[in-house]
């Protein structure tokens, strides 16, 4: 199970460190889809980006959870 991180006596959620990783993965996927000219097949691009971020974040949490 993921536990809080203590920085300077304050407790932070582990999602604080995992969300930027998921954002970088989704941004990389977005750029790859743009360069491969596959973004035109996506109907609602904003919803696709949010869903991709959530899927990456869930996958990272699943992989790092013991």
PDB file of N, CA and C in Angstrom:
ATOM      1  N   UNK A   1       0.843  -1.176   0.000  1.00  0.00           N
ATOM      2  CA  UNK A   1       0.000   0.000   0.000  1.00  0.00           C
ATOM      3  C   UNK A   1       0.886   1.236   0.000  1.00  0.00           C
ATOM      4  N   UNK A   2       0.479   2.244  -0.717  1.00  0.00           N
ATOM      5  CA  UNK A   2       1.222   3.492  -0.771  1.00  0.00           C
ATOM      6  C   UNK A   2       0.972   4.294   0.508  1.00  0.00           C
ATOM      7  N   UNK A   3       2.023   4.878   1.043  1.00  0.00           N
ATOM      8  CA  UNK A   3       1.910   5.635   2.290  1.00  0.00           C
ATOM      9  C   UNK A   3       2.300   7.083   2.048  1.00  0.00           C
ATOM     10  N   UNK A   4       1.917   7.934   2.998  1.00  0.00           N
ATOM     11  CA  UNK A   4       2.221   9.351   2.892  1.00  0.00           C
ATOM     12  C   UNK A   4       3.728   9.580   2.996  1.00  0.00           C
ATOM     13  N   UNK A   5       4.168  10.670   2.354  1.00  0.00           N
ATOM     14  CA  UNK A   5       5.568  11.076   2.444  1.00  0.00           C
ATOM     15  C   UNK A   5       5.643  12.251   3.413  1.00  0.00           C
ATOM     16  N   UNK A   6       6.620  12.206   4.309  1.00  0.00           N
ATOM     17  CA  UNK A   6       6.808  13.286   5.256  1.00  0.00           C
ATOM     18  C   UNK A   6       7.941  14.181   4.764  1.00  0.00           C
ATOM     19  N   UNK A   7       7.619  15.428   4.463  1.00  0.00           N
ATOM     20  CA  UNK A   7       8.609  16.406   4.022  1.00  0.00           C
ATOM     21  C   UNK A   7       8.493  17.609   4.950  1.00  0.00           C
ATOM     22  N   UNK A   8       9.519  17.807   5.763  1.00  0.00           N
ATOM     23  CA  UNK A   8       9.515  18.930   6.692  1.00  0.00           C
ATOM     24  C   UNK A   8       8.408  18.838   7.726  1.00  0.00           C
ATOM     25  N   UNK A   9       8.015  17.639   8.097  1.00  0.00           N
ATOM     26  CA  UNK A   9       6.962  17.459   9.085  1.00  0.00           C
ATOM     27  C   UNK A   9       5.555  17.508   8.510  1.00  0.00           C
ATOM     28  N   UNK A  10       5.438  17.764   7.218  1.00  0.00           N
ATOM     29  CA  UNK A  10       4.122  17.785   6.584  1.00  0.00           C
ATOM     30  C   UNK A  10       3.930  16.496   5.806  1.00  0.00           C
ATOM     31  N   UNK A  11       2.730  15.966   5.829  1.00  0.00           N
ATOM     32  CA  UNK A  11       2.431  14.730   5.118  1.00  0.00           C
ATOM     33  C   UNK A  11       1.858  15.041   3.739  1.00  0.00           C
ATOM     34  N   UNK A  12       2.411  14.373   2.730  1.00  0.00           N
ATOM     35  CA  UNK A  12       1.964  14.562   1.357  1.00  0.00           C
ATOM     36  C   UNK A  12       1.514  13.225   0.783  1.00  0.00           C
ATOM     37  N   UNK A  13       0.545  13.271  -0.070  1.00  0.00           N
ATOM     38  CA  UNK A  13       0.048  12.079  -0.745  1.00  0.00           C
ATOM     39  C   UNK A  13       1.086  11.573  -1.739  1.00  0.00           C
ATOM     40  N   UNK A  14       1.185  10.252  -1.912  1.00  0.00           N
ATOM     41  CA  UNK A  14       2.109   9.734  -2.920  1.00  0.00           C
ATOM     42  C   UNK A  14       1.697  10.124  -4.344  1.00  0.00           C
ATOM     43  N   UNK A  15       0.452  10.513  -4.519  1.00  0.00           N
ATOM     44  CA  UNK A  15       0.008  10.960  -5.841  1.00  0.00           C
ATOM     45  C   UNK A  15       0.691  12.257  -6.256  1.00  0.00           C
ATOM     46  N   UNK A  16       1.234  12.983  -5.271  1.00  0.00           N
ATOM     47  CA  UNK A  16       1.969  14.203  -5.581  1.00  0.00           C
ATOM     48  C   UNK A  16       3.200  13.892  -6.421  1.00  0.00           C
ATOM     49  N   UNK A  17       3.800  12.743  -6.224  1.00  0.00           N
ATOM     50  CA  UNK A  17       4.972  12.343  -7.010  1.00  0.00           C
ATOM     51  C   UNK A  17       4.581  11.552  -8.250  1.00  0.00           C
ATOM     52  N   UNK A  18       3.452  10.864  -8.212  1.00  0.00           N
ATOM     53  CA  UNK A  18       3.056   9.989  -9.318  1.00  0.00           C
ATOM     54  C   UNK A  18       2.307  10.727 -10.425  1.00  0.00           C
ATOM     55  N   UNK A  19       1.605  11.794 -10.092  1.00  0.00           N
ATOM     56  CA  UNK A  19       0.837  12.529 -11.100  1.00  0.00           C
ATOM     57  C   UNK A  19       1.724  13.161 -12.177  1.00  0.00           C
ATOM     58  N   UNK A  20       2.880  13.765 -11.829  1.00  0.00           N
ATOM     59  CA  UNK A  20       3.727  14.302 -12.906  1.00  0.00           C
ATOM     60  C   UNK A  20       4.268  13.222 -13.840  1.00  0.00           C
ATOM     61  N   UNK A  21       4.526  12.035 -13.304  1.00  0.00           N
ATOM     62  CA  UNK A  21       4.995  10.934 -14.156  1.00  0.00           C
ATOM     63  C   UNK A  21       3.904  10.551 -15.149  1.00  0.00           C
ATOM     64  N   UNK A  22       2.673  10.442 -14.654  1.00  0.00           N
ATOM     65  CA  UNK A  22       1.551  10.111 -15.536  1.00  0.00           C
ATOM     66  C   UNK A  22       1.325  11.221 -16.561  1.00  0.00           C
ATOM     67  N   UNK A  23       1.506  12.469 -16.146  1.00  0.00           N
ATOM     68  CA  UNK A  23       1.347  13.586 -17.089  1.00  0.00           C
ATOM     69  C   UNK A  23       2.398  13.528 -18.188  1.00  0.00           C
ATOM     70  N   UNK A  24       3.643  13.230 -17.824  1.00  0.00           N
ATOM     71  CA  UNK A  24       4.700  13.130 -18.832  1.00  0.00           C
ATOM     72  C   UNK A  24       4.441  11.982 -19.803  1.00  0.00           C
ATOM     73  N   UNK A  25       3.948  10.862 -19.294  1.00  0.00           N
ATOM     74  CA  UNK A  25       3.613   9.741 -20.176  1.00  0.00           C
ATOM     75  C   UNK A  25       2.471  10.103 -21.125  1.00  0.00           C
ATOM     76  N   UNK A  26       1.451  10.765 -20.607  1.00  0.00           N
ATOM     77  CA  UNK A  26       0.325  11.133 -21.472  1.00  0.00           C
ATOM     78  C   UNK A  26       0.731  12.216 -22.479  1.00  0.00           C
ATOM     79  N   UNK A  27       1.607  13.133 -22.066  1.00  0.00           N
ATOM     80  CA  UNK A  27       2.090  14.148 -23.013  1.00  0.00           C
ATOM     81  C   UNK A  27       2.930  13.502 -24.108  1.00  0.00           C
ATOM     82  N   UNK A  28       3.747  12.523 -23.749  1.00  0.00           N
ATOM     83  CA  UNK A  28       4.534  11.801 -24.750  1.00  0.00           C
ATOM     84  C   UNK A  28       3.645  11.035 -25.713  1.00  0.00           C
ATOM     85  N   UNK A  29       2.597  10.424 -25.196  1.00  0.00           N
ATOM     86  CA  UNK A  29       1.661   9.708 -26.057  1.00  0.00           C
ATOM     87  C   UNK A  29       0.933  10.684 -26.975  1.00  0.00           C
ATOM     88  N   UNK A  30       0.566  11.849 -26.436  1.00  0.00           N
ATOM     89  CA  UNK A  30      -0.111  12.865 -27.248  1.00  0.00           C
ATOM     90  C   UNK A  30       0.789  13.324 -28.400  1.00  0.00           C
ATOM     91  N   UNK A  31       2.070  13.563 -28.091  1.00  0.00           N
ATOM     92  CA  UNK A  31       3.006  13.977 -29.139  1.00  0.00           C
ATOM     93  C   UNK A  31       3.216  12.875 -30.176  1.00  0.00           C
ATOM     94  N   UNK A  32       3.305  11.637 -29.726  1.00  0.00           N
ATOM     95  CA  UNK A  32       3.474  10.521 -30.660  1.00  0.00           C
ATOM     96  C   UNK A  32       2.261  10.389 -31.578  1.00  0.00           C
ATOM     97  N   UNK A  33       1.058  10.528 -31.019  1.00  0.00           N
ATOM     98  CA  UNK A  33      -0.146  10.458 -31.852  1.00  0.00           C
ATOM     99  C   UNK A  33      -0.210  11.611 -32.835  1.00  0.00           C
ATOM    100  N   UNK A  34       0.269  12.779 -32.420  1.00  0.00           N
ATOM    101  CA  UNK A  34       0.273  13.944 -33.316  1.00  0.00           C
ATOM    102  C   UNK A  34       1.258  13.734 -34.467  1.00  0.00           C
ATOM    103  N   UNK A  35       2.446  13.243 -34.156  1.00  0.00           N
ATOM    104  CA  UNK A  35       3.454  13.051 -35.205  1.00  0.00           C
ATOM    105  C   UNK A  35       3.088  11.908 -36.155  1.00  0.00           C
ATOM    106  N   UNK A  36       2.346  10.923 -35.659  1.00  0.00           N
ATOM    107  CA  UNK A  36       1.905   9.823 -36.513  1.00  0.00           C
ATOM    108  C   UNK A  36       0.602  10.148 -37.232  1.00  0.00           C
ATOM    109  N   UNK A  37       0.087  11.357 -36.999  1.00  0.00           N
ATOM    110  CA  UNK A  37      -1.159  11.824 -37.620  1.00  0.00           C
ATOM    111  C   UNK A  37      -2.352  10.912 -37.296  1.00  0.00           C
ATOM    112  N   UNK A  38      -2.398  10.443 -36.053  1.00  0.00           N
ATOM    113  CA  UNK A  38      -3.505   9.601 -35.601  1.00  0.00           C
ATOM    114  C   UNK A  38      -4.510  10.371 -34.746  1.00  0.00           C
ATOM    115  N   UNK A  39      -4.201  11.627 -34.405  1.00  0.00           N
ATOM    116  CA  UNK A  39      -5.114  12.420 -33.576  1.00  0.00           C
ATOM    117  C   UNK A  39      -6.409  12.730 -34.314  1.00  0.00           C
ATOM    118  N   UNK A  40      -6.411  12.687 -35.619  1.00  0.00           N
ATOM    119  CA  UNK A  40      -7.629  13.020 -36.366  1.00  0.00           C
ATOM    120  C   UNK A  40      -8.714  11.964 -36.200  1.00  0.00           C
ATOM    121  N   UNK A  41      -8.346  10.769 -35.716  1.00  0.00           N
ATOM    122  CA  UNK A  41      -9.325   9.709 -35.506  1.00  0.00           C
ATOM    123  C   UNK A  41      -9.987   9.793 -34.129  1.00  0.00           C
ATOM    124  N   UNK A  42      -9.521  10.715 -33.289  1.00  0.00           N
ATOM    125  CA  UNK A  42     -10.075  10.860 -31.946  1.00  0.00           C
ATOM    126  C   UNK A  42     -11.195  11.884 -32.005  1.00  0.00           C
ATOM    127  N   UNK A  43     -12.363  11.494 -31.505  1.00  0.00           N
ATOM    128  CA  UNK A  43     -13.542  12.342 -31.633  1.00  0.00           C
ATOM    129  C   UNK A  43     -13.478  13.518 -30.659  1.00  0.00           C
ATOM    130  N   UNK A  44     -13.305  13.263 -29.381  1.00  0.00           N
ATOM    131  CA  UNK A  44     -13.220  14.305 -28.354  1.00  0.00           C
ATOM    132  C   UNK A  44     -11.819  14.258 -27.753  1.00  0.00           C
ATOM    133  N   UNK A  45     -10.937  15.112 -28.242  1.00  0.00           N
ATOM    134  CA  UNK A  45      -9.527  15.045 -27.859  1.00  0.00           C
ATOM    135  C   UNK A  45      -9.309  15.346 -26.379  1.00  0.00           C
ATOM    136  N   UNK A  46     -10.027  16.296 -25.819  1.00  0.00           N
ATOM    137  CA  UNK A  46      -9.836  16.646 -24.413  1.00  0.00           C
ATOM    138  C   UNK A  46     -10.223  15.483 -23.504  1.00  0.00           C
ATOM    139  N   UNK A  47     -11.343  14.823 -23.813  1.00  0.00           N
ATOM    140  CA  UNK A  47     -11.760  13.673 -23.008  1.00  0.00           C
ATOM    141  C   UNK A  47     -10.779  12.522 -23.158  1.00  0.00           C
ATOM    142  N   UNK A  48     -10.250  12.361 -24.347  1.00  0.00           N
ATOM    143  CA  UNK A  48      -9.261  11.315 -24.565  1.00  0.00           C
ATOM    144  C   UNK A  48      -8.005  11.586 -23.747  1.00  0.00           C
ATOM    145  N   UNK A  49      -7.562  12.843 -23.701  1.00  0.00           N
ATOM    146  CA  UNK A  49      -6.376  13.191 -22.925  1.00  0.00           C
ATOM    147  C   UNK A  49      -6.588  12.943 -21.435  1.00  0.00           C
ATOM    148  N   UNK A  50      -7.744  13.317 -20.926  1.00  0.00           N
ATOM    149  CA  UNK A  50      -8.042  13.089 -19.506  1.00  0.00           C
ATOM    150  C   UNK A  50      -8.101  11.591 -19.214  1.00  0.00           C
ATOM    151  N   UNK A  51      -8.763  10.830 -20.075  1.00  0.00           N
ATOM    152  CA  UNK A  51      -8.872   9.391 -19.867  1.00  0.00           C
ATOM    153  C   UNK A  51      -7.503   8.716 -19.938  1.00  0.00           C
ATOM    154  N   UNK A  52      -6.654   9.180 -20.838  1.00  0.00           N
ATOM    155  CA  UNK A  52      -5.310   8.619 -20.957  1.00  0.00           C
ATOM    156  C   UNK A  52      -4.496   8.911 -19.698  1.00  0.00           C
ATOM    157  N   UNK A  53      -4.613  10.132 -19.163  1.00  0.00           N
ATOM    158  CA  UNK A  53      -3.919  10.485 -17.928  1.00  0.00           C
ATOM    159  C   UNK A  53      -4.382   9.606 -16.772  1.00  0.00           C
ATOM    160  N   UNK A  54      -5.687   9.421 -16.651  1.00  0.00           N
ATOM    161  CA  UNK A  54      -6.230   8.607 -15.564  1.00  0.00           C
ATOM    162  C   UNK A  54      -5.781   7.151 -15.699  1.00  0.00           C
ATOM    163  N   UNK A  55      -5.765   6.636 -16.912  1.00  0.00           N
ATOM    164  CA  UNK A  55      -5.316   5.250 -17.120  1.00  0.00           C
ATOM    165  C   UNK A  55      -3.836   5.092 -16.793  1.00  0.00           C
ATOM    166  N   UNK A  56      -3.016   6.050 -17.199  1.00  0.00           N
ATOM    167  CA  UNK A  56      -1.593   5.989 -16.855  1.00  0.00           C
ATOM    168  C   UNK A  56      -1.397   6.086 -15.340  1.00  0.00           C
ATOM    169  N   UNK A  57      -2.120   6.979 -14.683  1.00  0.00           N
ATOM    170  CA  UNK A  57      -1.991   7.135 -13.242  1.00  0.00           C
ATOM    171  C   UNK A  57      -2.429   5.862 -12.519  1.00  0.00           C
ATOM    172  N   UNK A  58      -3.530   5.272 -12.947  1.00  0.00           N
ATOM    173  CA  UNK A  58      -3.990   4.031 -12.325  1.00  0.00           C
ATOM    174  C   UNK A  58      -2.985   2.910 -12.550  1.00  0.00           C
ATOM    175  N   UNK A  59      -2.401   2.843 -13.736  1.00  0.00           N
ATOM    176  CA  UNK A  59      -1.403   1.815 -14.012  1.00  0.00           C
ATOM    177  C   UNK A  59      -0.151   1.974 -13.158  1.00  0.00           C
ATOM    178  N   UNK A  60       0.300   3.212 -12.978  1.00  0.00           N
ATOM    179  CA  UNK A  60       1.483   3.459 -12.153  1.00  0.00           C
ATOM    180  C   UNK A  60       1.198   3.101 -10.699  1.00  0.00           C
ATOM    181  N   UNK A  61       0.042   3.488 -10.193  1.00  0.00           N
ATOM    182  CA  UNK A  61      -0.319   3.151  -8.814  1.00  0.00           C
ATOM    183  C   UNK A  61      -0.409   1.639  -8.647  1.00  0.00           C
ATOM    184  N   UNK A  62      -0.978   0.962  -9.621  1.00  0.00           N
ATOM    185  CA  UNK A  62      -1.089  -0.495  -9.554  1.00  0.00           C
ATOM    186  C   UNK A  62       0.286  -1.156  -9.557  1.00  0.00           C
ATOM    187  N   UNK A  63       1.188  -0.680 -10.400  1.00  0.00           N
ATOM    188  CA  UNK A  63       2.512  -1.272 -10.481  1.00  0.00           C
ATOM    189  C   UNK A  63       3.360  -1.011  -9.254  1.00  0.00           C
ATOM    190  N   UNK A  64       3.200   0.153  -8.619  1.00  0.00           N
ATOM    191  CA  UNK A  64       4.012   0.484  -7.460  1.00  0.00           C
ATOM    192  C   UNK A  64       3.419   0.015  -6.136  1.00  0.00           C
ATOM    193  N   UNK A  65       2.185  -0.412  -6.146  1.00  0.00           N
ATOM    194  CA  UNK A  65       1.557  -0.914  -4.930  1.00  0.00           C
ATOM    195  C   UNK A  65       2.052  -2.329  -4.665  1.00  0.00           C
ATOM    196  N   UNK A  66       2.380  -2.603  -3.424  1.00  0.00           N
ATOM    197  CA  UNK A  66       2.887  -3.948  -3.075  1.00  0.00           C
ATOM    198  C   UNK A  66       1.750  -4.879  -2.751  1.00  0.00           C
TER     199      UNK A  66
END
